[in-house]
C-alpha atoms as a PDB file:
ATOM      1  CA  MET A   1    -196.124  77.772 104.232  1.00  0.00           C
ATOM      2  CA  GLN A   2    -193.022  78.297 102.122  1.00  0.00           C
ATOM      3  CA  MET A   3    -190.783  75.383 101.340  1.00  0.00           C
ATOM      4  CA  GLN A   4    -187.277  75.625 102.638  1.00  0.00           C
ATOM      5  CA  GLU A   5    -184.477  75.918 100.102  1.00  0.00           C
ATOM      6  CA  LYS A   6    -183.029  72.515 101.012  1.00  0.00           C
ATOM      7  CA  THR A   7    -186.389  70.829 100.436  1.00  0.00           C
ATOM      8  CA  MET A   8    -186.859  72.592  97.114  1.00  0.00           C
ATOM      9  CA  VAL A   9    -183.385  71.585  95.902  1.00  0.00           C
ATOM     10  CA  SER A  10    -184.016  67.999  96.970  1.00  0.00           C
ATOM     11  CA  ASP A  11    -187.368  67.906  95.174  1.00  0.00           C
ATOM     12  CA  ILE A  12    -185.888  69.374  91.995  1.00  0.00           C
ATOM     13  CA  LEU A  13    -183.010  66.874  92.032  1.00  0.00           C
ATOM     14  CA  ALA A  14    -185.476  64.010  92.469  1.00  0.00           C
ATOM     15  CA  GLY A  15    -187.482  65.289  89.508  1.00  0.00           C
ATOM     16  CA  MET A  16    -184.383  65.646  87.377  1.00  0.00           C
ATOM     17  CA  ASN A  17    -183.283  62.120  88.259  1.00  0.00           C
ATOM     18  CA  GLY A  18    -186.703  60.847  87.189  1.00  0.00           C
ATOM     19  CA  GLU A  19    -186.384  62.741  83.919  1.00  0.00           C
ATOM     20  CA  LEU A  20    -182.986  61.164  83.284  1.00  0.00           C
ATOM     21  CA  GLU A  21    -184.444  57.706  83.962  1.00  0.00           C
ATOM     22  CA  ARG A  22    -187.186  58.334  81.407  1.00  0.00           C
ATOM     23  CA  TYR A  23    -184.638  59.370  78.779  1.00  0.00           C
ATOM     24  CA  ALA A  24    -182.637  56.217  79.551  1.00  0.00           C
ATOM     25  CA  GLN A  25    -185.770  54.184  78.837  1.00  0.00           C
ATOM     26  CA  MET A  26    -186.849  56.064  75.704  1.00  0.00           C
ATOM     27  CA  ILE A  27    -183.552  56.382  73.840  1.00  0.00           C
ATOM     28  CA  PRO A  28    -182.915  52.684  73.175  1.00  0.00           C
ATOM     29  CA  GLN A  29    -186.585  52.089  72.313  1.00  0.00           C
ATOM     30  CA  THR A  30    -186.738  54.307  69.244  1.00  0.00           C
ATOM     31  CA  ASP A  31    -185.597  53.356  65.761  1.00  0.00           C
ATOM     32  CA  ASN A  32    -185.962  56.914  64.493  1.00  0.00           C
ATOM     33  CA  LYS A  33    -182.396  58.254  64.375  1.00  0.00           C
ATOM     34  CA  GLU A  34    -183.482  61.889  64.404  1.00  0.00           C
ATOM     35  CA  LEU A  35    -185.704  61.361  67.442  1.00  0.00           C
ATOM     36  CA  LYS A  36    -182.969  59.362  69.162  1.00  0.00           C
ATOM     37  CA  GLN A  37    -180.475  62.201  68.605  1.00  0.00           C
ATOM     38  CA  CYS A  38    -182.980  64.762  69.884  1.00  0.00           C
ATOM     39  CA  LEU A  39    -183.631  62.700  73.032  1.00  0.00           C
ATOM     40  CA  LYS A  40    -179.883  62.356  73.600  1.00  0.00           C
ATOM     41  CA  GLN A  41    -179.487  66.131  73.378  1.00  0.00           C
ATOM     42  CA  PHE A  42    -182.291  66.616  75.908  1.00  0.00           C
ATOM     43  CA  ARG A  43    -180.723  63.992  78.156  1.00  0.00           C
ATOM     44  CA  ASN A  44    -177.309  65.647  77.942  1.00  0.00           C
ATOM     45  CA  ALA A  45    -178.791  69.032  78.840  1.00  0.00           C
ATOM     46  CA  ALA A  46    -180.702  67.460  81.739  1.00  0.00           C
ATOM     47  CA  GLU A  47    -177.528  65.733  82.965  1.00  0.00           C
ATOM     48  CA  GLN A  48    -175.636  69.022  82.865  1.00  0.00           C
ATOM     49  CA  GLY A  49    -178.372  70.795  84.815  1.00  0.00           C
ATOM     50  CA  GLN A  50    -178.571  67.958  87.328  1.00  0.00           C
ATOM     51  CA  GLU A  51    -174.802  68.035  87.842  1.00  0.00           C
ATOM     52  CA  GLU A  52    -174.814  71.809  88.388  1.00  0.00           C
ATOM     53  CA  LEU A  53    -177.620  71.593  90.946  1.00  0.00           C
ATOM     54  CA  TYR A  54    -175.933  68.613  92.606  1.00  0.00           C
ATOM     55  CA  GLN A  55    -172.731  70.652  93.028  1.00  0.00           C
ATOM     56  CA  ILE A  56    -174.696  73.517  94.601  1.00  0.00           C
ATOM     57  CA  ALA A  57    -176.428  71.053  96.945  1.00  0.00           C
ATOM     58  CA  ARG A  58    -173.058  69.614  97.994  1.00  0.00           C
ATOM     59  CA  GLU A  59    -171.553  73.073  98.559  1.00  0.00           C
ATOM     60  CA  LYS A  60    -174.459  74.001 100.829  1.00  0.00           C
ATOM     61  CA  SER A  61    -174.320  70.595 102.566  1.00  0.00           C
ATOM     62  CA  TYR A  62    -177.851  69.834 101.383  1.00  0.00           C
ATOM     63  CA  TYR A  63    -176.567  66.564  99.992  1.00  0.00           C
ATOM     64  CA  VAL A  64    -173.820  64.407 101.422  1.00  0.00           C
ATOM     65  CA  PRO A  65    -172.756  61.604  99.097  1.00  0.00           C
ATOM     66  CA  ALA A  66    -172.066  58.093 100.306  1.00  0.00           C
ATOM     67  CA  ALA A  67    -168.498  57.210 101.227  1.00  0.00           C
ATOM     68  CA  GLN A  68    -166.210  56.355  98.338  1.00  0.00           C
ATOM     69  CA  ALA A  69    -165.990  52.659  97.504  1.00  0.00           C
ATOM     70  CA  SER A  70    -162.731  50.946  98.366  1.00  0.00           C
ATOM     71  CA  GLN A  71    -160.611  49.405  95.636  1.00  0.00           C
ATOM     72  CA  GLN A  72    -161.574  45.983  97.004  1.00  0.00           C
ATOM     73  CA  GLU A  73    -165.278  46.812  96.670  1.00  0.00           C
ATOM     74  CA  ILE A  74    -164.756  48.079  93.117  1.00  0.00           C
ATOM     75  CA  GLU A  75    -162.890  44.905  92.155  1.00  0.00           C
ATOM     76  CA  HIS A  76    -165.630  42.766  93.702  1.00  0.00           C
ATOM     77  CA  VAL A  77    -168.344  44.487  91.640  1.00  0.00           C
ATOM     78  CA  ARG A  78    -166.169  44.297  88.528  1.00  0.00           C
ATOM     79  CA  SER A  79    -165.715  40.553  89.063  1.00  0.00           C
ATOM     80  CA  LEU A  80    -169.487  40.094  89.444  1.00  0.00           C
ATOM     81  CA  PHE A  81    -170.101  41.720  86.083  1.00  0.00           C
ATOM     82  CA  SER A  82    -167.252  40.018  84.271  1.00  0.00           C
ATOM     83  CA  SER A  83    -168.306  36.572  85.542  1.00  0.00           C
ATOM     84  CA  SER A  84    -171.890  37.143  84.403  1.00  0.00           C
ATOM     85  CA  GLY A  85    -170.787  37.903  80.863  1.00  0.00           C
ATOM     86  CA  LEU A  86    -171.830  41.578  80.909  1.00  0.00           C
END
């Protein structure tokens, strides 16, 4: 049975998100500047590809993002982080 396009796009996006998470974990853990730069380049390319696929998914209504946060919600989150010293 063939996978439907929507399912394939969703699976690819999930894989790309996992890849980005792994880069986020690896980059700060290396002291090798050359390796760190290489990982950042891979991450940037992965982010670009993820963004392009995300836009296609939105155009085809395969993905519907959550509603935009209100200014009050944004300020609340900002206050949580500023009060915790982050």
